[in-house]
Amino acid sequence: MMEETITYDQAYKELEAIARDIENESISVDELAVKVKRAAELISLCEVKLKSAEIEVNNIINQINKNKD
């Protein structure tokens, strides 16, 4: 289950740790599916947060441009 309160940085760091574990073969085959599922959840969360930030920044830029006119 995905935690909605996790920050982008926390999600990214957890993804890095999962990737490191997989690359180092330090997780068992039994854990692999769980880690991959968690990674997918974290990627989805990061995508949502990035899109939200992009929209917010664009809105701010649009507001600044409107105030110039």
PDB file of N, CA and C in Angstrom:
ATOM      1  N   MET A   1       0.840  -1.179   0.000  1.00  0.00           N
ATOM      2  CA  MET A   1       0.000   0.000   0.000  1.00  0.00           C
ATOM      3  C   MET A   1       0.886   1.243   0.000  1.00  0.00           C
ATOM      4  N   MET A   2       0.571   2.196  -0.856  1.00  0.00           N
ATOM      5  CA  MET A   2       1.376   3.390  -1.019  1.00  0.00           C
ATOM      6  C   MET A   2       1.068   4.405   0.081  1.00  0.00           C
ATOM      7  N   GLU A   3       2.130   4.997   0.610  1.00  0.00           N
ATOM      8  CA  GLU A   3       1.976   6.014   1.632  1.00  0.00           C
ATOM      9  C   GLU A   3       1.845   7.373   0.959  1.00  0.00           C
ATOM     10  N   GLU A   4       0.739   8.049   1.178  1.00  0.00           N
ATOM     11  CA  GLU A   4       0.509   9.343   0.551  1.00  0.00           C
ATOM     12  C   GLU A   4       1.369  10.443   1.160  1.00  0.00           C
ATOM     13  N   THR A   5       1.852  10.242   2.388  1.00  0.00           N
ATOM     14  CA  THR A   5       2.602  11.293   3.064  1.00  0.00           C
ATOM     15  C   THR A   5       4.098  11.247   2.759  1.00  0.00           C
ATOM     16  N   ILE A   6       4.540  10.257   2.016  1.00  0.00           N
ATOM     17  CA  ILE A   6       5.951  10.140   1.703  1.00  0.00           C
ATOM     18  C   ILE A   6       6.342  11.267   0.739  1.00  0.00           C
ATOM     19  N   THR A   7       7.519  11.833   0.956  1.00  0.00           N
ATOM     20  CA  THR A   7       7.978  12.907   0.077  1.00  0.00           C
ATOM     21  C   THR A   7       8.617  12.326  -1.173  1.00  0.00           C
ATOM     22  N   TYR A   8       8.799  13.179  -2.166  1.00  0.00           N
ATOM     23  CA  TYR A   8       9.471  12.757  -3.394  1.00  0.00           C
ATOM     24  C   TYR A   8      10.871  12.249  -3.066  1.00  0.00           C
ATOM     25  N   ASP A   9      11.601  13.007  -2.252  1.00  0.00           N
ATOM     26  CA  ASP A   9      12.972  12.614  -1.907  1.00  0.00           C
ATOM     27  C   ASP A   9      13.014  11.269  -1.195  1.00  0.00           C
ATOM     28  N   GLN A  10      12.074  11.040  -0.294  1.00  0.00           N
ATOM     29  CA  GLN A  10      12.028   9.761   0.408  1.00  0.00           C
ATOM     30  C   GLN A  10      11.742   8.622  -0.565  1.00  0.00           C
ATOM     31  N   ALA A  11      10.796   8.849  -1.470  1.00  0.00           N
ATOM     32  CA  ALA A  11      10.454   7.823  -2.455  1.00  0.00           C
ATOM     33  C   ALA A  11      11.648   7.535  -3.355  1.00  0.00           C
ATOM     34  N   TYR A  12      12.330   8.595  -3.784  1.00  0.00           N
ATOM     35  CA  TYR A  12      13.486   8.431  -4.674  1.00  0.00           C
ATOM     36  C   TYR A  12      14.601   7.655  -3.976  1.00  0.00           C
ATOM     37  N   LYS A  13      14.852   7.988  -2.712  1.00  0.00           N
ATOM     38  CA  LYS A  13      15.896   7.283  -1.965  1.00  0.00           C
ATOM     39  C   LYS A  13      15.539   5.810  -1.772  1.00  0.00           C
ATOM     40  N   GLU A  14      14.269   5.542  -1.526  1.00  0.00           N
ATOM     41  CA  GLU A  14      13.846   4.146  -1.373  1.00  0.00           C
ATOM     42  C   GLU A  14      14.002   3.399  -2.696  1.00  0.00           C
ATOM     43  N   LEU A  15      13.662   4.067  -3.805  1.00  0.00           N
ATOM     44  CA  LEU A  15      13.860   3.457  -5.118  1.00  0.00           C
ATOM     45  C   LEU A  15      15.330   3.152  -5.368  1.00  0.00           C
ATOM     46  N   GLU A  16      16.204   4.080  -5.003  1.00  0.00           N
ATOM     47  CA  GLU A  16      17.640   3.852  -5.160  1.00  0.00           C
ATOM     48  C   GLU A  16      18.086   2.637  -4.355  1.00  0.00           C
ATOM     49  N   ALA A  17      17.581   2.517  -3.146  1.00  0.00           N
ATOM     50  CA  ALA A  17      17.945   1.382  -2.291  1.00  0.00           C
ATOM     51  C   ALA A  17      17.458   0.065  -2.884  1.00  0.00           C
ATOM     52  N   ILE A  18      16.249   0.063  -3.416  1.00  0.00           N
ATOM     53  CA  ILE A  18      15.716  -1.149  -4.050  1.00  0.00           C
ATOM     54  C   ILE A  18      16.570  -1.517  -5.259  1.00  0.00           C
ATOM     55  N   ALA A  19      16.901  -0.524  -6.074  1.00  0.00           N
ATOM     56  CA  ALA A  19      17.730  -0.778  -7.256  1.00  0.00           C
ATOM     57  C   ALA A  19      19.092  -1.328  -6.857  1.00  0.00           C
ATOM     58  N   ARG A  20      19.678  -0.752  -5.814  1.00  0.00           N
ATOM     59  CA  ARG A  20      20.979  -1.227  -5.318  1.00  0.00           C
ATOM     60  C   ARG A  20      20.894  -2.678  -4.855  1.00  0.00           C
ATOM     61  N   ASP A  21      19.839  -2.992  -4.107  1.00  0.00           N
ATOM     62  CA  ASP A  21      19.644  -4.357  -3.616  1.00  0.00           C
ATOM     63  C   ASP A  21      19.524  -5.348  -4.769  1.00  0.00           C
ATOM     64  N   ILE A  22      18.765  -4.959  -5.792  1.00  0.00           N
ATOM     65  CA  ILE A  22      18.579  -5.843  -6.943  1.00  0.00           C
ATOM     66  C   ILE A  22      19.910  -6.010  -7.689  1.00  0.00           C
ATOM     67  N   GLU A  23      20.615  -4.892  -7.910  1.00  0.00           N
ATOM     68  CA  GLU A  23      21.902  -4.949  -8.617  1.00  0.00           C
ATOM     69  C   GLU A  23      22.924  -5.780  -7.863  1.00  0.00           C
ATOM     70  N   ASN A  24      22.934  -5.671  -6.548  1.00  0.00           N
ATOM     71  CA  ASN A  24      23.897  -6.407  -5.724  1.00  0.00           C
ATOM     72  C   ASN A  24      23.453  -7.830  -5.437  1.00  0.00           C
ATOM     73  N   GLU A  25      22.268  -8.169  -5.945  1.00  0.00           N
ATOM     74  CA  GLU A  25      21.685  -9.492  -5.712  1.00  0.00           C
ATOM     75  C   GLU A  25      21.603  -9.812  -4.223  1.00  0.00           C
ATOM     76  N   SER A  26      21.310  -8.777  -3.426  1.00  0.00           N
ATOM     77  CA  SER A  26      21.240  -8.966  -1.982  1.00  0.00           C
ATOM     78  C   SER A  26      19.833  -9.272  -1.486  1.00  0.00           C
ATOM     79  N   ILE A  27      18.893  -9.442  -2.417  1.00  0.00           N
ATOM     80  CA  ILE A  27      17.545  -9.843  -2.012  1.00  0.00           C
ATOM     81  C   ILE A  27      17.252 -11.223  -2.582  1.00  0.00           C
ATOM     82  N   SER A  28      16.429 -11.946  -1.875  1.00  0.00           N
ATOM     83  CA  SER A  28      16.084 -13.300  -2.310  1.00  0.00           C
ATOM     84  C   SER A  28      15.045 -13.237  -3.427  1.00  0.00           C
ATOM     85  N   VAL A  29      14.916 -14.335  -4.116  1.00  0.00           N
ATOM     86  CA  VAL A  29      13.905 -14.436  -5.166  1.00  0.00           C
ATOM     87  C   VAL A  29      12.518 -14.216  -4.573  1.00  0.00           C
ATOM     88  N   ASP A  30      12.330 -14.670  -3.346  1.00  0.00           N
ATOM     89  CA  ASP A  30      11.038 -14.500  -2.682  1.00  0.00           C
ATOM     90  C   ASP A  30      10.710 -13.025  -2.442  1.00  0.00           C
ATOM     91  N   GLU A  31      11.735 -12.227  -2.169  1.00  0.00           N
ATOM     92  CA  GLU A  31      11.528 -10.803  -1.917  1.00  0.00           C
ATOM     93  C   GLU A  31      11.425  -9.983  -3.201  1.00  0.00           C
ATOM     94  N   LEU A  32      11.908 -10.528  -4.290  1.00  0.00           N
ATOM     95  CA  LEU A  32      12.007  -9.775  -5.538  1.00  0.00           C
ATOM     96  C   LEU A  32      10.663  -9.212  -5.984  1.00  0.00           C
ATOM     97  N   ALA A  33       9.628 -10.035  -5.993  1.00  0.00           N
ATOM     98  CA  ALA A  33       8.313  -9.570  -6.437  1.00  0.00           C
ATOM     99  C   ALA A  33       7.796  -8.444  -5.544  1.00  0.00           C
ATOM    100  N   VAL A  34       8.021  -8.562  -4.245  1.00  0.00           N
ATOM    101  CA  VAL A  34       7.587  -7.529  -3.305  1.00  0.00           C
ATOM    102  C   VAL A  34       8.326  -6.222  -3.578  1.00  0.00           C
ATOM    103  N   LYS A  35       9.632  -6.327  -3.797  1.00  0.00           N
ATOM    104  CA  LYS A  35      10.445  -5.124  -4.066  1.00  0.00           C
ATOM    105  C   LYS A  35      10.045  -4.470  -5.386  1.00  0.00           C
ATOM    106  N   VAL A  36       9.811  -5.278  -6.415  1.00  0.00           N
ATOM    107  CA  VAL A  36       9.414  -4.736  -7.713  1.00  0.00           C
ATOM    108  C   VAL A  36       8.052  -4.053  -7.612  1.00  0.00           C
ATOM    109  N   LYS A  37       7.124  -4.655  -6.856  1.00  0.00           N
ATOM    110  CA  LYS A  37       5.811  -4.038  -6.660  1.00  0.00           C
ATOM    111  C   LYS A  37       5.954  -2.706  -5.925  1.00  0.00           C
ATOM    112  N   ARG A  38       6.775  -2.674  -4.902  1.00  0.00           N
ATOM    113  CA  ARG A  38       6.999  -1.432  -4.155  1.00  0.00           C
ATOM    114  C   ARG A  38       7.643  -0.380  -5.055  1.00  0.00           C
ATOM    115  N   ALA A  39       8.596  -0.801  -5.880  1.00  0.00           N
ATOM    116  CA  ALA A  39       9.247   0.132  -6.801  1.00  0.00           C
ATOM    117  C   ALA A  39       8.224   0.738  -7.756  1.00  0.00           C
ATOM    118  N   ALA A  40       7.305  -0.071  -8.254  1.00  0.00           N
ATOM    119  CA  ALA A  40       6.266   0.427  -9.158  1.00  0.00           C
ATOM    120  C   ALA A  40       5.389   1.465  -8.460  1.00  0.00           C
ATOM    121  N   GLU A  41       5.046   1.204  -7.203  1.00  0.00           N
ATOM    122  CA  GLU A  41       4.250   2.165  -6.430  1.00  0.00           C
ATOM    123  C   GLU A  41       5.014   3.472  -6.250  1.00  0.00           C
ATOM    124  N   LEU A  42       6.301   3.368  -5.944  1.00  0.00           N
ATOM    125  CA  LEU A  42       7.116   4.561  -5.730  1.00  0.00           C
ATOM    126  C   LEU A  42       7.289   5.358  -7.012  1.00  0.00           C
ATOM    127  N   ILE A  43       7.475   4.668  -8.121  1.00  0.00           N
ATOM    128  CA  ILE A  43       7.597   5.356  -9.412  1.00  0.00           C
ATOM    129  C   ILE A  43       6.321   6.107  -9.724  1.00  0.00           C
ATOM    130  N   SER A  44       5.192   5.468  -9.492  1.00  0.00           N
ATOM    131  CA  SER A  44       3.900   6.113  -9.726  1.00  0.00           C
ATOM    132  C   SER A  44       3.746   7.352  -8.846  1.00  0.00           C
ATOM    133  N   LEU A  45       4.112   7.236  -7.583  1.00  0.00           N
ATOM    134  CA  LEU A  45       4.038   8.361  -6.659  1.00  0.00           C
ATOM    135  C   LEU A  45       4.927   9.511  -7.132  1.00  0.00           C
ATOM    136  N   CYS A  46       6.141   9.189  -7.553  1.00  0.00           N
ATOM    137  CA  CYS A  46       7.070  10.220  -8.034  1.00  0.00           C
ATOM    138  C   CYS A  46       6.517  10.917  -9.272  1.00  0.00           C
ATOM    139  N   GLU A  47       5.939  10.144 -10.179  1.00  0.00           N
ATOM    140  CA  GLU A  47       5.360  10.732 -11.382  1.00  0.00           C
ATOM    141  C   GLU A  47       4.239  11.702 -11.038  1.00  0.00           C
ATOM    142  N   VAL A  48       3.392  11.325 -10.098  1.00  0.00           N
ATOM    143  CA  VAL A  48       2.287  12.200  -9.671  1.00  0.00           C
ATOM    144  C   VAL A  48       2.839  13.482  -9.056  1.00  0.00           C
ATOM    145  N   LYS A  49       3.845  13.349  -8.198  1.00  0.00           N
ATOM    146  CA  LYS A  49       4.418  14.526  -7.544  1.00  0.00           C
ATOM    147  C   LYS A  49       5.110  15.430  -8.558  1.00  0.00           C
ATOM    148  N   LEU A  50       5.820  14.863  -9.526  1.00  0.00           N
ATOM    149  CA  LEU A  50       6.478  15.670 -10.555  1.00  0.00           C
ATOM    150  C   LEU A  50       5.459  16.404 -11.416  1.00  0.00           C
ATOM    151  N   LYS A  51       4.394  15.716 -11.802  1.00  0.00           N
ATOM    152  CA  LYS A  51       3.347  16.342 -12.618  1.00  0.00           C
ATOM    153  C   LYS A  51       2.677  17.461 -11.842  1.00  0.00           C
ATOM    154  N   SER A  52       2.412  17.231 -10.573  1.00  0.00           N
ATOM    155  CA  SER A  52       1.799  18.257  -9.729  1.00  0.00           C
ATOM    156  C   SER A  52       2.702  19.477  -9.617  1.00  0.00           C
ATOM    157  N   ALA A  53       3.992  19.250  -9.421  1.00  0.00           N
ATOM    158  CA  ALA A  53       4.944  20.361  -9.325  1.00  0.00           C
ATOM    159  C   ALA A  53       5.011  21.115 -10.646  1.00  0.00           C
ATOM    160  N   GLU A  54       4.997  20.391 -11.758  1.00  0.00           N
ATOM    161  CA  GLU A  54       5.040  21.029 -13.082  1.00  0.00           C
ATOM    162  C   GLU A  54       3.829  21.933 -13.281  1.00  0.00           C
ATOM    163  N   ILE A  55       2.653  21.446 -12.925  1.00  0.00           N
ATOM    164  CA  ILE A  55       1.423  22.233 -13.059  1.00  0.00           C
ATOM    165  C   ILE A  55       1.498  23.479 -12.184  1.00  0.00           C
ATOM    166  N   GLU A  56       1.951  23.316 -10.954  1.00  0.00           N
ATOM    167  CA  GLU A  56       2.047  24.447 -10.034  1.00  0.00           C
ATOM    168  C   GLU A  56       3.026  25.503 -10.549  1.00  0.00           C
ATOM    169  N   VAL A  57       4.181  25.066 -11.034  1.00  0.00           N
ATOM    170  CA  VAL A  57       5.170  26.002 -11.566  1.00  0.00           C
ATOM    171  C   VAL A  57       4.611  26.724 -12.792  1.00  0.00           C
ATOM    172  N   ASN A  58       3.960  25.990 -13.686  1.00  0.00           N
ATOM    173  CA  ASN A  58       3.357  26.616 -14.870  1.00  0.00           C
ATOM    174  C   ASN A  58       2.303  27.640 -14.486  1.00  0.00           C
ATOM    175  N   ASN A  59       1.498  27.328 -13.465  1.00  0.00           N
ATOM    176  CA  ASN A  59       0.493  28.285 -13.000  1.00  0.00           C
ATOM    177  C   ASN A  59       1.144  29.557 -12.458  1.00  0.00           C
ATOM    178  N   ILE A  60       2.235  29.395 -11.733  1.00  0.00           N
ATOM    179  CA  ILE A  60       2.942  30.556 -11.194  1.00  0.00           C
ATOM    180  C   ILE A  60       3.520  31.398 -12.328  1.00  0.00           C
ATOM    181  N   ILE A  61       4.137  30.736 -13.306  1.00  0.00           N
ATOM    182  CA  ILE A  61       4.705  31.454 -14.444  1.00  0.00           C
ATOM    183  C   ILE A  61       3.609  32.180 -15.217  1.00  0.00           C
ATOM    184  N   ASN A  62       2.486  31.521 -15.431  1.00  0.00           N
ATOM    185  CA  ASN A  62       1.361  32.162 -16.123  1.00  0.00           C
ATOM    186  C   ASN A  62       0.854  33.367 -15.357  1.00  0.00           C
ATOM    187  N   GLN A  63       0.788  33.259 -14.043  1.00  0.00           N
ATOM    188  CA  GLN A  63       0.327  34.372 -13.214  1.00  0.00           C
ATOM    189  C   GLN A  63       1.311  35.541 -13.304  1.00  0.00           C
ATOM    190  N   ILE A  64       2.591  35.251 -13.276  1.00  0.00           N
ATOM    191  CA  ILE A  64       3.615  36.299 -13.398  1.00  0.00           C
ATOM    192  C   ILE A  64       3.477  36.980 -14.747  1.00  0.00           C
ATOM    193  N   ASN A  65       3.306  36.207 -15.808  1.00  0.00           N
ATOM    194  CA  ASN A  65       3.163  36.781 -17.150  1.00  0.00           C
ATOM    195  C   ASN A  65       1.913  37.623 -17.277  1.00  0.00           C
ATOM    196  N   LYS A  66       0.828  37.225 -16.642  1.00  0.00           N
ATOM    197  CA  LYS A  66      -0.410  38.013 -16.669  1.00  0.00           C
ATOM    198  C   LYS A  66      -0.215  39.340 -15.937  1.00  0.00           C
ATOM    199  N   ASN A  67       0.529  39.321 -14.853  1.00  0.00           N
ATOM    200  CA  ASN A  67       0.762  40.534 -14.075  1.00  0.00           C
ATOM    201  C   ASN A  67       1.670  41.523 -14.800  1.00  0.00           C
ATOM    202  N   LYS A  68       2.472  41.030 -15.742  1.00  0.00           N
ATOM    203  CA  LYS A  68       3.350  41.911 -16.521  1.00  0.00           C
ATOM    204  C   LYS A  68       2.564  42.760 -17.497  1.00  0.00           C
ATOM    205  N   ASP A  69       1.473  42.195 -18.030  1.00  0.00           N
ATOM    206  CA  ASP A  69       0.694  42.886 -19.077  1.00  0.00           C
ATOM    207  C   ASP A  69      -0.137  44.012 -18.546  1.00  0.00           C
TER     208      ASP A  69
END
